[in-house]
Amino acid sequence: MPLEAAIRDRIQQLVDGTPVLLFMKGTRSQPQCGFSAQVVGALESHGAEYQTLDVLADPELREGIKAFSEWPTVPQLYIQGEFIGGCDIITEMDASGELRHALERAGS
């Protein structure tokens, strides 16, 4: 199903306007799935400045972000407008030091 222009534009503005943005289930203080909690933990361990969006609170956003990124799952992390990946990729990047470097480049 193609992504409607209005939701695509909304997501693009969010991604472009926020240096580090995590689309997740729940909130940073109350993640609603283990994968979201794991990514929050990785970001918190670096003292990152980041924003979150709860896709459970917005069904249009929940489906739209999957089509936008062409990635079927949430959480999804964006740094400086670039889709970085989901939980497995963030976990690997954290272990290798790449996540820290990406966050530093974003000034976070």
Protein backbone atom coordinates (compact mmCIF):
# COMPACT_ATOMS: atom_id res chain seq x y z
CA MET A 1 0.00 0.00 0.00
CA PRO A 2 1.55 3.32 -1.03
CA LEU A 3 2.29 5.89 1.63
CA GLU A 4 -0.08 8.86 1.54
CA ALA A 5 1.60 12.18 0.85
CA ALA A 6 0.35 13.79 4.07
CA ILE A 7 1.82 11.16 6.38
CA ARG A 8 5.02 10.93 4.30
CA ASP A 9 5.46 14.70 4.57
CA ARG A 10 4.72 14.62 8.31
CA ILE A 11 7.31 11.90 8.92
CA GLN A 12 9.87 13.66 6.71
CA GLN A 13 9.44 16.88 8.70
CA LEU A 14 9.85 14.99 11.98
CA VAL A 15 12.97 13.18 10.78
CA ASP A 16 14.52 16.32 9.25
CA GLY A 17 13.71 18.48 12.26
CA THR A 18 15.09 16.25 14.99
CA PRO A 19 18.81 15.34 15.13
CA VAL A 20 18.19 12.01 16.91
CA LEU A 21 14.69 10.56 16.70
CA LEU A 22 13.43 7.18 17.86
CA PHE A 23 10.09 5.83 16.69
CA MET A 24 9.18 3.33 19.38
CA LYS A 25 6.41 1.50 21.17
CA GLY A 26 5.73 3.42 24.35
CA THR A 27 7.77 6.22 25.80
CA ARG A 28 11.37 6.48 26.86
CA SER A 29 10.29 6.21 30.50
CA GLN A 30 7.83 3.38 29.80
CA PRO A 31 8.79 1.35 26.73
CA GLN A 32 6.01 -1.02 25.71
CA CYS A 33 8.21 -3.69 24.14
CA GLY A 34 11.60 -5.19 24.89
CA PHE A 35 13.12 -4.05 21.61
CA SER A 36 12.17 -0.43 22.24
CA ALA A 37 13.52 -0.72 25.78
CA GLN A 38 16.80 -2.09 24.47
CA VAL A 39 17.31 0.82 22.05
CA VAL A 40 16.38 3.35 24.75
CA GLY A 41 18.94 1.68 27.00
CA ALA A 42 21.64 1.97 24.35
CA LEU A 43 20.90 5.66 23.78
CA GLU A 44 20.73 6.37 27.50
CA SER A 45 24.05 4.60 28.11
CA HIS A 46 25.68 7.23 25.89
CA GLY A 47 23.86 10.14 27.50
CA ALA A 48 22.33 10.90 24.12
CA GLU A 49 19.96 13.79 23.58
CA TYR A 50 17.09 12.35 21.58
CA GLN A 51 13.38 12.57 21.02
CA THR A 52 10.91 9.70 20.89
CA LEU A 53 7.56 9.18 19.21
CA ASP A 54 5.14 6.57 20.50
CA VAL A 55 3.74 4.75 17.47
CA LEU A 56 1.17 2.98 19.66
CA ALA A 57 -0.52 6.34 20.29
CA ASP A 58 -0.82 7.07 16.55
CA PRO A 59 -1.87 4.17 14.26
CA GLU A 60 -1.29 6.28 11.12
CA LEU A 61 2.27 6.96 12.23
CA ARG A 62 2.79 3.32 13.21
CA GLU A 63 1.98 2.07 9.71
CA GLY A 64 3.40 5.10 7.95
CA ILE A 65 6.89 4.81 9.43
CA LYS A 66 7.18 1.23 8.18
CA ALA A 67 6.36 2.30 4.63
CA PHE A 68 8.50 5.45 4.90
CA SER A 69 11.64 3.53 5.85
CA GLU A 70 10.75 0.33 4.00
CA TRP A 71 11.55 -1.41 7.29
CA PRO A 72 8.84 -3.68 8.71
CA THR A 73 9.40 -3.26 12.44
CA VAL A 74 9.58 -0.69 15.23
CA PRO A 75 11.68 0.68 16.91
CA GLN A 76 13.38 2.73 14.22
CA LEU A 77 16.22 5.16 14.88
CA TYR A 78 17.04 8.18 12.73
CA ILE A 79 20.18 10.25 13.18
CA GLN A 80 20.56 13.51 11.25
CA GLY A 81 17.71 12.52 8.94
CA GLU A 82 19.18 9.14 8.08
CA PHE A 83 17.44 5.88 8.92
CA ILE A 84 19.93 3.90 11.01
CA GLY A 85 17.94 0.74 11.74
CA GLY A 86 16.05 -1.22 14.32
CA CYS A 87 16.99 -2.96 17.52
CA ASP A 88 19.41 -5.55 16.10
CA ILE A 89 21.36 -2.98 14.08
CA ILE A 90 21.48 -0.50 16.98
CA THR A 91 22.68 -3.26 19.32
CA GLU A 92 25.46 -4.20 16.87
CA MET A 93 26.42 -0.55 16.40
CA ASP A 94 26.51 -0.06 20.15
CA ALA A 95 28.79 -3.06 20.64
CA SER A 96 31.18 -1.92 17.90
CA GLY A 97 31.33 1.73 18.98
CA GLU A 98 29.62 2.95 15.81
CA LEU A 99 26.56 4.19 17.71
CA ARG A 100 28.66 6.43 19.94
CA HIS A 101 30.39 7.90 16.89
CA ALA A 102 27.08 8.50 15.07
CA LEU A 103 25.65 10.22 18.13
CA GLU A 104 28.76 12.37 18.51
CA ARG A 105 28.56 13.45 14.86
CA ALA A 106 24.96 14.49 15.51
CA GLY A 107 26.07 16.53 18.50
CA SER A 108 24.17 14.28 20.86
